Amino acid sequence: MSQYKRISERVEELKIDNPRNATSGLRWVNVNNAAKAEINYLRKNYNFDLSHLRSAAASILSQRPQIFKGPKYLFLILHFPAIRNGRIFSAEVDFFIGHGFLVTAHNNELPALNKFFSISKKDPNSLSSYHIESSAILLHEILGNLINDCYRLLDENSLEIKHVEELIFSRQQKLVVENILLLRRNIINMRKIMQNHKNILKELSDMQSSLVDKTVIKKSYNKLVDDSKRLWEMLDNQNEMIEVLNNTNESLTNNQMNVIMKTLTVLCYCLPSQSFSRCLWDECRSYASS
C-alpha cells in the first residue's frame, strides 16, 4: 500500500509501505522549484544542514556534482542532460537520503523524474523499493530512470547525425554548418554533464543500509556505473562521427570552390572585361546562395 499526499503546490510525498514488511515504510518527498516555504518545510521536518537547503533552493546551478556523507543523511548533487528547443543543457537534482526517507529537489526540468514519481504513485508494486523499503534502493531506481532517459537524447543525436549526412550529399552546405555546430554543442554539453557520474556512482556503491545487504547495493550501483560508461562510449562515437561529417563537408565545399575558381579563370581569358565582371558577380552570388 502507498499513501500519496500533496503537501503544497510544490511538494508531494509518497509513502511506500508494504504491509508484509516489518519496517515502518519509506517516504519519497518530491520538491519542485523549492522556495522559502519549501525550505522551511524541509527544515521543520528534517534535520538538514542549512547550507544544503540553500543549495536546493538556489537558482544558480552548482558547477560540479557533490556528495556529502553526514551522520544522519547523505546529500548528493547530480546533473543530468535535458533538452529545450533542440539544445541540451544541464539540469540539477539535489538528493537527501536517510533511513526511511529520500528527498528530491529540482527545477522541474527533467520530465523523466516527474514521470517516474507519477508511475510510482499509481503502481507502487512495480518498485523494487516497495519490496525492500530502503532509500538506497529507491535512489538506485531514480538514478536508473534518469540515466536511461539519456539514451533517448543520444537517439535524437543519432537521428540528427543522419539528417546532417543527407544534407551534405544533397549539397546544402549552409544548413550543414548550422546543424554540425548545434550537434557539436549538444555533444560537448552532454560530455560535460556526464563526465563525473562514474566516480559519484562508485562512491554510492559503498553505501550502508540496515535493510539491504552491502553486496546487493554494490551490485545495483555497479550496473549504473556500467551504464554511465556505455553512455560515454556512445558519446565518443557520436563525437567522432560529427568530426568525420565535418571533414567531409569541408572537402566537398573546397572542391566546389575549386571548380568555381577554375571557371572564373577560364572566363577571365575568354570574355571582355565588362562581361567578365558581370559573370564574376553572378557566379559569386550563386555560390553564396548555395
C-alpha atoms as a PDB file:
ATOM      1  CA  MET A   1       0.000   0.000   0.000  1.00  0.00           C
ATOM      2  CA  SER A   2       1.203   3.526  -0.806  1.00  0.00           C
ATOM      3  CA  GLN A   3      -0.102   6.777   0.550  1.00  0.00           C
ATOM      4  CA  TYR A   4       0.172   9.828  -1.679  1.00  0.00           C
ATOM      5  CA  LYS A   5      -0.132  13.297  -0.206  1.00  0.00           C
ATOM      6  CA  ARG A   6       0.217  16.708  -1.841  1.00  0.00           C
ATOM      7  CA  ILE A   7       1.710  18.833   0.902  1.00  0.00           C
ATOM      8  CA  SER A   8       1.711  22.035  -1.147  1.00  0.00           C
ATOM      9  CA  GLU A   9       1.716  23.147  -4.762  1.00  0.00           C
ATOM     10  CA  ARG A  10       5.428  22.336  -4.998  1.00  0.00           C
ATOM     11  CA  VAL A  11       5.812  19.450  -2.539  1.00  0.00           C
ATOM     12  CA  GLU A  12       4.481  15.923  -2.966  1.00  0.00           C
ATOM     13  CA  GLU A  13       5.004  12.983  -0.655  1.00  0.00           C
ATOM     14  CA  LEU A  14       4.693   9.295  -1.446  1.00  0.00           C
ATOM     15  CA  LYS A  15       4.805   6.882   1.464  1.00  0.00           C
ATOM     16  CA  ILE A  16       5.833   3.438   0.231  1.00  0.00           C
ATOM     17  CA  ASP A  17       4.517   0.973   2.762  1.00  0.00           C
ATOM     18  CA  ASN A  18       4.422  -2.756   2.102  1.00  0.00           C
ATOM     19  CA  PRO A  19       2.240  -4.363   4.819  1.00  0.00           C
ATOM     20  CA  ARG A  20       4.235  -7.602   4.514  1.00  0.00           C
ATOM     21  CA  ASN A  21       7.383  -5.841   5.691  1.00  0.00           C
ATOM     22  CA  ALA A  22       8.133  -5.188   9.331  1.00  0.00           C
ATOM     23  CA  THR A  23       9.662  -1.770   8.624  1.00  0.00           C
ATOM     24  CA  SER A  24       7.753   1.463   9.096  1.00  0.00           C
ATOM     25  CA  GLY A  25       7.717   2.398   5.409  1.00  0.00           C
ATOM     26  CA  LEU A  26       9.684   4.688   3.152  1.00  0.00           C
ATOM     27  CA  ARG A  27       8.866   8.299   2.298  1.00  0.00           C
ATOM     28  CA  TRP A  28       9.764   9.906  -1.030  1.00  0.00           C
ATOM     29  CA  VAL A  29       9.349  13.687  -0.943  1.00  0.00           C
ATOM     30  CA  ASN A  30       9.485  15.331  -4.384  1.00  0.00           C
ATOM     31  CA  VAL A  31      10.076  19.115  -4.338  1.00  0.00           C
ATOM     32  CA  ASN A  32       9.696  21.242  -7.486  1.00  0.00           C
ATOM     33  CA  ASN A  33      11.262  24.721  -7.616  1.00  0.00           C
ATOM     34  CA  ALA A  34      11.962  24.968  -3.908  1.00  0.00           C
ATOM     35  CA  ALA A  35      11.367  28.412  -2.406  1.00  0.00           C
ATOM     36  CA  LYS A  36      11.288  29.761   1.140  1.00  0.00           C
ATOM     37  CA  ALA A  37       8.116  27.857   2.115  1.00  0.00           C
ATOM     38  CA  GLU A  38       9.519  24.548   0.850  1.00  0.00           C
ATOM     39  CA  ILE A  39      12.849  25.092   2.614  1.00  0.00           C
ATOM     40  CA  ASN A  40      11.002  25.869   5.860  1.00  0.00           C
ATOM     41  CA  TYR A  41       9.005  22.651   5.458  1.00  0.00           C
ATOM     42  CA  LEU A  42      12.169  20.568   4.989  1.00  0.00           C
ATOM     43  CA  ARG A  43      13.939  22.313   7.867  1.00  0.00           C
ATOM     44  CA  LYS A  44      10.974  21.731  10.159  1.00  0.00           C
ATOM     45  CA  ASN A  45      10.520  18.053   9.312  1.00  0.00           C
ATOM     46  CA  TYR A  46      14.129  17.003   8.664  1.00  0.00           C
ATOM     47  CA  ASN A  47      17.377  17.921  10.373  1.00  0.00           C
ATOM     48  CA  PHE A  48      19.183  19.009   7.196  1.00  0.00           C
ATOM     49  CA  ASP A  49      22.178  21.317   7.126  1.00  0.00           C
ATOM     50  CA  LEU A  50      21.140  24.865   6.230  1.00  0.00           C
ATOM     51  CA  SER A  51      23.792  25.173   3.511  1.00  0.00           C
ATOM     52  CA  HIS A  52      22.388  22.076   1.798  1.00  0.00           C
ATOM     53  CA  LEU A  53      18.868  23.502   1.964  1.00  0.00           C
ATOM     54  CA  ARG A  54      20.065  26.764   0.452  1.00  0.00           C
ATOM     55  CA  SER A  55      21.760  24.824  -2.327  1.00  0.00           C
ATOM     56  CA  ALA A  56      18.486  23.019  -3.076  1.00  0.00           C
ATOM     57  CA  ALA A  57      16.698  26.374  -3.405  1.00  0.00           C
ATOM     58  CA  ALA A  58      19.430  28.197  -5.346  1.00  0.00           C
ATOM     59  CA  SER A  59      18.520  29.468  -8.802  1.00  0.00           C
ATOM     60  CA  ILE A  60      22.150  29.110  -9.944  1.00  0.00           C
ATOM     61  CA  LEU A  61      23.312  25.571 -10.708  1.00  0.00           C
ATOM     62  CA  SER A  62      26.163  24.004  -8.812  1.00  0.00           C
ATOM     63  CA  GLN A  63      29.190  23.844 -11.080  1.00  0.00           C
ATOM     64  CA  ARG A  64      30.030  20.241 -10.228  1.00  0.00           C
ATOM     65  CA  PRO A  65      28.494  17.130  -8.680  1.00  0.00           C
ATOM     66  CA  GLN A  66      28.869  16.849  -4.913  1.00  0.00           C
ATOM     67  CA  ILE A  67      28.431  14.169  -2.303  1.00  0.00           C
ATOM     68  CA  PHE A  68      28.324  14.806   1.440  1.00  0.00           C
ATOM     69  CA  LYS A  69      28.155  11.917   3.882  1.00  0.00           C
ATOM     70  CA  GLY A  70      26.868  13.076   7.245  1.00  0.00           C
ATOM     71  CA  PRO A  71      25.969  11.059  10.356  1.00  0.00           C
ATOM     72  CA  LYS A  72      22.215  11.091   9.660  1.00  0.00           C
ATOM     73  CA  TYR A  73      21.842  11.615   5.928  1.00  0.00           C
ATOM     74  CA  LEU A  74      23.656  11.743   2.623  1.00  0.00           C
ATOM     75  CA  PHE A  75      23.453  14.890   0.480  1.00  0.00           C
ATOM     76  CA  LEU A  76      24.027  14.472  -3.236  1.00  0.00           C
ATOM     77  CA  ILE A  77      24.062  16.899  -6.174  1.00  0.00           C
ATOM     78  CA  LEU A  78      23.929  15.428  -9.666  1.00  0.00           C
ATOM     79  CA  HIS A  79      23.377  16.901 -13.109  1.00  0.00           C
ATOM     80  CA  PHE A  80      21.534  15.288 -15.996  1.00  0.00           C
ATOM     81  CA  PRO A  81      21.080  16.397 -19.604  1.00  0.00           C
ATOM     82  CA  ALA A  82      17.753  17.972 -20.546  1.00  0.00           C
ATOM     83  CA  ILE A  83      16.635  19.406 -23.883  1.00  0.00           C
ATOM     84  CA  ARG A  84      14.870  22.642 -24.768  1.00  0.00           C
ATOM     85  CA  ASN A  85      14.317  23.915 -28.327  1.00  0.00           C
ATOM     86  CA  GLY A  86      16.777  21.342 -29.636  1.00  0.00           C
ATOM     87  CA  ARG A  87      19.554  22.411 -27.274  1.00  0.00           C
ATOM     88  CA  ILE A  88      20.904  20.197 -24.491  1.00  0.00           C
ATOM     89  CA  PHE A  89      21.535  21.857 -21.135  1.00  0.00           C
ATOM     90  CA  SER A  90      22.334  20.784 -17.589  1.00  0.00           C
ATOM     91  CA  ALA A  91      19.503  20.146 -15.106  1.00  0.00           C
ATOM     92  CA  GLU A  92      20.327  19.698 -11.427  1.00  0.00           C
ATOM     93  CA  VAL A  93      18.788  17.327  -8.890  1.00  0.00           C
ATOM     94  CA  ASP A  94      19.599  17.531  -5.179  1.00  0.00           C
ATOM     95  CA  PHE A  95      19.072  14.384  -3.118  1.00  0.00           C
ATOM     96  CA  PHE A  96      18.742  13.997   0.647  1.00  0.00           C
ATOM     97  CA  ILE A  97      18.947  10.298   1.557  1.00  0.00           C
ATOM     98  CA  GLY A  98      18.495   8.887   5.040  1.00  0.00           C
ATOM     99  CA  HIS A  99      16.948   5.991   6.905  1.00  0.00           C
ATOM    100  CA  GLY A 100      13.312   5.762   5.832  1.00  0.00           C
ATOM    101  CA  PHE A 101      13.268   8.829   3.563  1.00  0.00           C
ATOM    102  CA  LEU A 102      14.501  10.257   0.280  1.00  0.00           C
ATOM    103  CA  VAL A 103      14.010  13.875  -0.827  1.00  0.00           C
ATOM    104  CA  THR A 104      14.469  15.019  -4.420  1.00  0.00           C
ATOM    105  CA  ALA A 105      14.682  18.781  -5.073  1.00  0.00           C
ATOM    106  CA  HIS A 106      14.826  20.037  -8.651  1.00  0.00           C
ATOM    107  CA  ASN A 107      13.634  22.781 -11.023  1.00  0.00           C
ATOM    108  CA  ASN A 108      11.097  20.670 -12.901  1.00  0.00           C
ATOM    109  CA  GLU A 109      13.363  20.395 -15.966  1.00  0.00           C
ATOM    110  CA  LEU A 110      13.580  16.598 -16.058  1.00  0.00           C
ATOM    111  CA  PRO A 111      10.315  15.032 -17.291  1.00  0.00           C
ATOM    112  CA  ALA A 112      11.740  11.540 -16.633  1.00  0.00           C
ATOM    113  CA  LEU A 113      11.906  12.247 -12.882  1.00  0.00           C
ATOM    114  CA  ASN A 114       8.322  13.504 -12.609  1.00  0.00           C
ATOM    115  CA  LYS A 115       7.116  10.666 -14.828  1.00  0.00           C
ATOM    116  CA  PHE A 116       8.765   8.092 -12.565  1.00  0.00           C
ATOM    117  CA  PHE A 117       7.192   9.713  -9.499  1.00  0.00           C
ATOM    118  CA  SER A 118       3.758   9.525 -11.176  1.00  0.00           C
ATOM    119  CA  ILE A 119       4.254   5.854 -12.091  1.00  0.00           C
ATOM    120  CA  SER A 120       5.366   5.082  -8.528  1.00  0.00           C
ATOM    121  CA  LYS A 121       2.268   6.836  -7.213  1.00  0.00           C
ATOM    122  CA  LYS A 122      -0.066   4.814  -9.444  1.00  0.00           C
ATOM    123  CA  ASP A 123       1.667   1.437  -9.230  1.00  0.00           C
ATOM    124  CA  PRO A 124       3.935   1.193  -6.170  1.00  0.00           C
ATOM    125  CA  ASN A 125       4.102  -2.586  -6.537  1.00  0.00           C
ATOM    126  CA  SER A 126       6.334  -2.096  -9.587  1.00  0.00           C
ATOM    127  CA  LEU A 127       9.040  -0.545  -7.375  1.00  0.00           C
ATOM    128  CA  SER A 128      11.889  -2.621  -6.031  1.00  0.00           C
ATOM    129  CA  SER A 129      11.796  -0.304  -3.021  1.00  0.00           C
ATOM    130  CA  TYR A 130       8.205  -1.426  -2.343  1.00  0.00           C
ATOM    131  CA  HIS A 131       9.525  -4.919  -1.651  1.00  0.00           C
ATOM    132  CA  ILE A 132      12.700  -3.674   0.038  1.00  0.00           C
ATOM    133  CA  GLU A 133      11.815  -0.406   1.750  1.00  0.00           C
ATOM    134  CA  SER A 134      15.286   1.048   1.512  1.00  0.00           C
ATOM    135  CA  SER A 135      16.144   4.605   0.447  1.00  0.00           C
ATOM    136  CA  ALA A 136      19.340   3.211  -1.142  1.00  0.00           C
ATOM    137  CA  ILE A 137      17.240   1.001  -3.436  1.00  0.00           C
ATOM    138  CA  LEU A 138      14.828   3.847  -4.240  1.00  0.00           C
ATOM    139  CA  LEU A 139      17.769   6.126  -5.104  1.00  0.00           C
ATOM    140  CA  HIS A 140      19.115   3.408  -7.398  1.00  0.00           C
ATOM    141  CA  GLU A 141      15.760   3.231  -9.191  1.00  0.00           C
ATOM    142  CA  ILE A 142      15.523   7.009  -9.626  1.00  0.00           C
ATOM    143  CA  LEU A 143      19.087   7.280 -10.955  1.00  0.00           C
ATOM    144  CA  GLY A 144      18.463   4.319 -13.258  1.00  0.00           C
ATOM    145  CA  ASN A 145      15.468   6.084 -14.818  1.00  0.00           C
ATOM    146  CA  LEU A 146      17.367   9.349 -15.247  1.00  0.00           C
ATOM    147  CA  ILE A 147      20.345   7.594 -16.836  1.00  0.00           C
ATOM    148  CA  ASN A 148      18.073   5.563 -19.134  1.00  0.00           C
ATOM    149  CA  ASP A 149      16.493   8.819 -20.314  1.00  0.00           C
ATOM    150  CA  CYS A 150      19.951   9.870 -21.547  1.00  0.00           C
ATOM    151  CA  TYR A 151      19.697   7.140 -24.191  1.00  0.00           C
ATOM    152  CA  ARG A 152      16.662   8.966 -25.611  1.00  0.00           C
ATOM    153  CA  LEU A 153      18.786  12.090 -26.087  1.00  0.00           C
ATOM    154  CA  LEU A 154      21.537  10.037 -27.712  1.00  0.00           C
ATOM    155  CA  ASP A 155      18.946   8.582 -30.096  1.00  0.00           C
ATOM    156  CA  GLU A 156      17.898  12.121 -31.023  1.00  0.00           C
ATOM    157  CA  ASN A 157      21.560  12.956 -31.686  1.00  0.00           C
ATOM    158  CA  SER A 158      21.834   9.887 -33.922  1.00  0.00           C
ATOM    159  CA  LEU A 159      18.786  10.958 -35.948  1.00  0.00           C
ATOM    160  CA  GLU A 160      20.246  14.440 -36.337  1.00  0.00           C
ATOM    161  CA  ILE A 161      23.593  12.990 -37.453  1.00  0.00           C
ATOM    162  CA  LYS A 162      21.772  11.003 -40.130  1.00  0.00           C
ATOM    163  CA  HIS A 163      19.959  14.161 -41.208  1.00  0.00           C
ATOM    164  CA  VAL A 164      23.265  16.050 -41.492  1.00  0.00           C
ATOM    165  CA  GLU A 165      24.690  13.258 -43.644  1.00  0.00           C
ATOM    166  CA  GLU A 166      21.734  13.592 -46.019  1.00  0.00           C
ATOM    167  CA  LEU A 167      22.179  17.367 -46.172  1.00  0.00           C
ATOM    168  CA  ILE A 168      25.884  17.012 -47.020  1.00  0.00           C
ATOM    169  CA  PHE A 169      25.274  14.819 -50.040  1.00  0.00           C
ATOM    170  CA  SER A 170      22.383  16.971 -51.219  1.00  0.00           C
ATOM    171  CA  ARG A 171      24.888  19.878 -51.256  1.00  0.00           C
ATOM    172  CA  GLN A 172      23.058  22.087 -48.707  1.00  0.00           C
ATOM    173  CA  GLN A 173      26.237  23.414 -47.151  1.00  0.00           C
ATOM    174  CA  LYS A 174      24.710  26.313 -45.217  1.00  0.00           C
ATOM    175  CA  LEU A 175      22.301  24.066 -43.347  1.00  0.00           C
ATOM    176  CA  VAL A 176      25.062  21.527 -42.754  1.00  0.00           C
ATOM    177  CA  VAL A 177      27.302  24.030 -40.960  1.00  0.00           C
ATOM    178  CA  GLU A 178      24.468  25.196 -38.680  1.00  0.00           C
ATOM    179  CA  ASN A 179      23.439  21.625 -37.820  1.00  0.00           C
ATOM    180  CA  ILE A 180      27.009  20.477 -37.171  1.00  0.00           C
ATOM    181  CA  LEU A 181      27.608  23.416 -34.811  1.00  0.00           C
ATOM    182  CA  LEU A 182      24.425  22.579 -32.853  1.00  0.00           C
ATOM    183  CA  LEU A 183      25.314  18.880 -32.688  1.00  0.00           C
ATOM    184  CA  ARG A 184      28.833  19.656 -31.511  1.00  0.00           C
ATOM    185  CA  ARG A 185      27.466  21.909 -28.798  1.00  0.00           C
ATOM    186  CA  ASN A 186      24.952  19.288 -27.639  1.00  0.00           C
ATOM    187  CA  ILE A 187      27.537  16.511 -27.513  1.00  0.00           C
ATOM    188  CA  ILE A 188      30.046  18.707 -25.663  1.00  0.00           C
ATOM    189  CA  ASN A 189      27.363  19.648 -23.128  1.00  0.00           C
ATOM    190  CA  MET A 190      26.381  16.018 -22.591  1.00  0.00           C
ATOM    191  CA  ARG A 191      30.003  15.035 -22.069  1.00  0.00           C
ATOM    192  CA  LYS A 192      30.483  17.829 -19.511  1.00  0.00           C
ATOM    193  CA  ILE A 193      27.334  16.752 -17.669  1.00  0.00           C
ATOM    194  CA  MET A 194      28.093  13.019 -17.632  1.00  0.00           C
ATOM    195  CA  GLN A 195      31.861  13.027 -17.090  1.00  0.00           C
ATOM    196  CA  ASN A 196      31.748  12.772 -13.274  1.00  0.00           C
ATOM    197  CA  HIS A 197      28.837  10.353 -12.939  1.00  0.00           C
ATOM    198  CA  LYS A 198      31.023   7.268 -12.864  1.00  0.00           C
ATOM    199  CA  ASN A 199      33.043   8.444  -9.840  1.00  0.00           C
ATOM    200  CA  ILE A 200      29.946   9.503  -7.869  1.00  0.00           C
ATOM    201  CA  LEU A 201      28.184   6.201  -8.589  1.00  0.00           C
ATOM    202  CA  LYS A 202      31.250   4.282  -7.415  1.00  0.00           C
ATOM    203  CA  GLU A 203      31.092   6.160  -4.116  1.00  0.00           C
ATOM    204  CA  LEU A 204      27.398   5.375  -3.782  1.00  0.00           C
ATOM    205  CA  SER A 205      28.112   1.683  -4.234  1.00  0.00           C
ATOM    206  CA  ASP A 206      29.727   1.742  -0.771  1.00  0.00           C
ATOM    207  CA  MET A 207      26.559   2.958   0.955  1.00  0.00           C
ATOM    208  CA  GLN A 208      25.485   1.200   4.125  1.00  0.00           C
ATOM    209  CA  SER A 209      21.924   0.079   4.806  1.00  0.00           C
ATOM    210  CA  SER A 210      20.318  -1.634   7.773  1.00  0.00           C
ATOM    211  CA  LEU A 211      17.738  -3.204   5.427  1.00  0.00           C
ATOM    212  CA  VAL A 212      19.821  -4.334   2.451  1.00  0.00           C
ATOM    213  CA  ASP A 213      22.974  -6.395   2.285  1.00  0.00           C
ATOM    214  CA  LYS A 214      26.015  -4.427   1.124  1.00  0.00           C
ATOM    215  CA  THR A 215      26.611  -6.811  -1.796  1.00  0.00           C
ATOM    216  CA  VAL A 216      23.104  -6.070  -3.159  1.00  0.00           C
ATOM    217  CA  ILE A 217      23.757  -2.327  -3.055  1.00  0.00           C
ATOM    218  CA  LYS A 218      27.173  -2.717  -4.672  1.00  0.00           C
ATOM    219  CA  LYS A 219      25.780  -4.892  -7.462  1.00  0.00           C
ATOM    220  CA  SER A 220      22.929  -2.434  -8.138  1.00  0.00           C
ATOM    221  CA  TYR A 221      25.142   0.637  -8.344  1.00  0.00           C
ATOM    222  CA  ASN A 222      27.851  -1.141 -10.330  1.00  0.00           C
ATOM    223  CA  LYS A 223      25.216  -1.655 -13.019  1.00  0.00           C
ATOM    224  CA  LEU A 224      24.659   2.105 -13.086  1.00  0.00           C
ATOM    225  CA  VAL A 225      28.439   2.592 -13.400  1.00  0.00           C
ATOM    226  CA  ASP A 226      28.400   0.270 -16.432  1.00  0.00           C
ATOM    227  CA  ASP A 227      25.516   2.262 -17.934  1.00  0.00           C
ATOM    228  CA  SER A 228      27.415   5.529 -17.473  1.00  0.00           C
ATOM    229  CA  LYS A 229      30.470   4.002 -19.200  1.00  0.00           C
ATOM    230  CA  ARG A 230      28.282   2.828 -22.084  1.00  0.00           C
ATOM    231  CA  LEU A 231      26.800   6.307 -22.453  1.00  0.00           C
ATOM    232  CA  TRP A 232      30.281   7.822 -22.516  1.00  0.00           C
ATOM    233  CA  GLU A 233      31.379   5.395 -25.245  1.00  0.00           C
ATOM    234  CA  MET A 234      28.318   6.259 -27.332  1.00  0.00           C
ATOM    235  CA  LEU A 235      29.059   9.968 -26.907  1.00  0.00           C
ATOM    236  CA  ASP A 236      32.638   9.340 -28.062  1.00  0.00           C
ATOM    237  CA  ASN A 237      31.336   7.540 -31.159  1.00  0.00           C
ATOM    238  CA  GLN A 238      28.927  10.361 -31.954  1.00  0.00           C
ATOM    239  CA  ASN A 239      31.680  12.926 -31.484  1.00  0.00           C
ATOM    240  CA  GLU A 240      33.920  11.048 -33.931  1.00  0.00           C
ATOM    241  CA  MET A 241      31.070  10.786 -36.437  1.00  0.00           C
ATOM    242  CA  ILE A 242      30.474  14.545 -36.284  1.00  0.00           C
ATOM    243  CA  GLU A 243      34.178  15.179 -36.967  1.00  0.00           C
ATOM    244  CA  VAL A 244      34.055  12.852 -39.984  1.00  0.00           C
ATOM    245  CA  LEU A 245      30.953  14.584 -41.357  1.00  0.00           C
ATOM    246  CA  ASN A 246      32.508  17.994 -40.789  1.00  0.00           C
ATOM    247  CA  ASN A 247      35.673  16.976 -42.668  1.00  0.00           C
ATOM    248  CA  THR A 248      33.573  15.541 -45.488  1.00  0.00           C
ATOM    249  CA  ASN A 249      31.563  18.735 -45.747  1.00  0.00           C
ATOM    250  CA  GLU A 250      34.716  20.856 -45.821  1.00  0.00           C
ATOM    251  CA  SER A 251      36.179  18.664 -48.601  1.00  0.00           C
ATOM    252  CA  LEU A 252      33.037  18.996 -50.696  1.00  0.00           C
ATOM    253  CA  THR A 253      32.963  22.758 -50.116  1.00  0.00           C
ATOM    254  CA  ASN A 254      36.619  23.078 -51.098  1.00  0.00           C
ATOM    255  CA  ASN A 255      36.044  21.026 -54.245  1.00  0.00           C
ATOM    256  CA  GLN A 256      33.098  23.227 -55.149  1.00  0.00           C
ATOM    257  CA  MET A 257      35.218  26.326 -54.590  1.00  0.00           C
ATOM    258  CA  ASN A 258      37.993  24.904 -56.796  1.00  0.00           C
ATOM    259  CA  VAL A 259      35.520  24.295 -59.617  1.00  0.00           C
ATOM    260  CA  ILE A 260      34.262  27.872 -59.319  1.00  0.00           C
ATOM    261  CA  MET A 261      37.790  29.279 -59.365  1.00  0.00           C
ATOM    262  CA  LYS A 262      38.665  27.247 -62.459  1.00  0.00           C
ATOM    263  CA  THR A 263      35.546  28.501 -64.173  1.00  0.00           C
ATOM    264  CA  LEU A 264      36.350  32.098 -63.301  1.00  0.00           C
ATOM    265  CA  THR A 265      39.911  31.657 -64.554  1.00  0.00           C
ATOM    266  CA  VAL A 266      38.611  30.457 -67.939  1.00  0.00           C
ATOM    267  CA  LEU A 267      36.162  33.358 -68.094  1.00  0.00           C
ATOM    268  CA  CYS A 268      38.950  35.783 -67.313  1.00  0.00           C
ATOM    269  CA  TYR A 269      40.753  34.824 -70.541  1.00  0.00           C
ATOM    270  CA  CYS A 270      37.715  34.303 -72.752  1.00  0.00           C
ATOM    271  CA  LEU A 271      35.394  37.241 -72.022  1.00  0.00           C
ATOM    272  CA  PRO A 272      35.749  41.012 -72.311  1.00  0.00           C
ATOM    273  CA  SER A 273      36.357  42.767 -69.045  1.00  0.00           C
ATOM    274  CA  GLN A 274      32.768  44.112 -68.662  1.00  0.00           C
ATOM    275  CA  SER A 275      31.208  40.728 -69.396  1.00  0.00           C
ATOM    276  CA  PHE A 276      33.682  39.069 -67.083  1.00  0.00           C
ATOM    277  CA  SER A 277      32.774  41.357 -64.190  1.00  0.00           C
ATOM    278  CA  ARG A 278      29.090  40.585 -64.674  1.00  0.00           C
ATOM    279  CA  CYS A 279      29.741  36.820 -64.828  1.00  0.00           C
ATOM    280  CA  LEU A 280      32.010  37.008 -61.790  1.00  0.00           C
ATOM    281  CA  TRP A 281      29.277  38.734 -59.797  1.00  0.00           C
ATOM    282  CA  ASP A 282      26.643  36.197 -60.895  1.00  0.00           C
ATOM    283  CA  GLU A 283      28.898  33.250 -60.080  1.00  0.00           C
ATOM    284  CA  CYS A 284      29.763  34.556 -56.589  1.00  0.00           C
ATOM    285  CA  ARG A 285      26.124  35.316 -55.871  1.00  0.00           C
ATOM    286  CA  SER A 286      25.138  31.818 -56.988  1.00  0.00           C
ATOM    287  CA  TYR A 287      27.767  30.252 -54.706  1.00  0.00           C
ATOM    288  CA  ALA A 288      26.751  32.402 -51.735  1.00  0.00           C
ATOM    289  CA  SER A 289      23.134  31.264 -52.040  1.00  0.00           C
ATOM    290  CA  SER A 290      24.033  27.539 -52.344  1.00  0.00           C
END
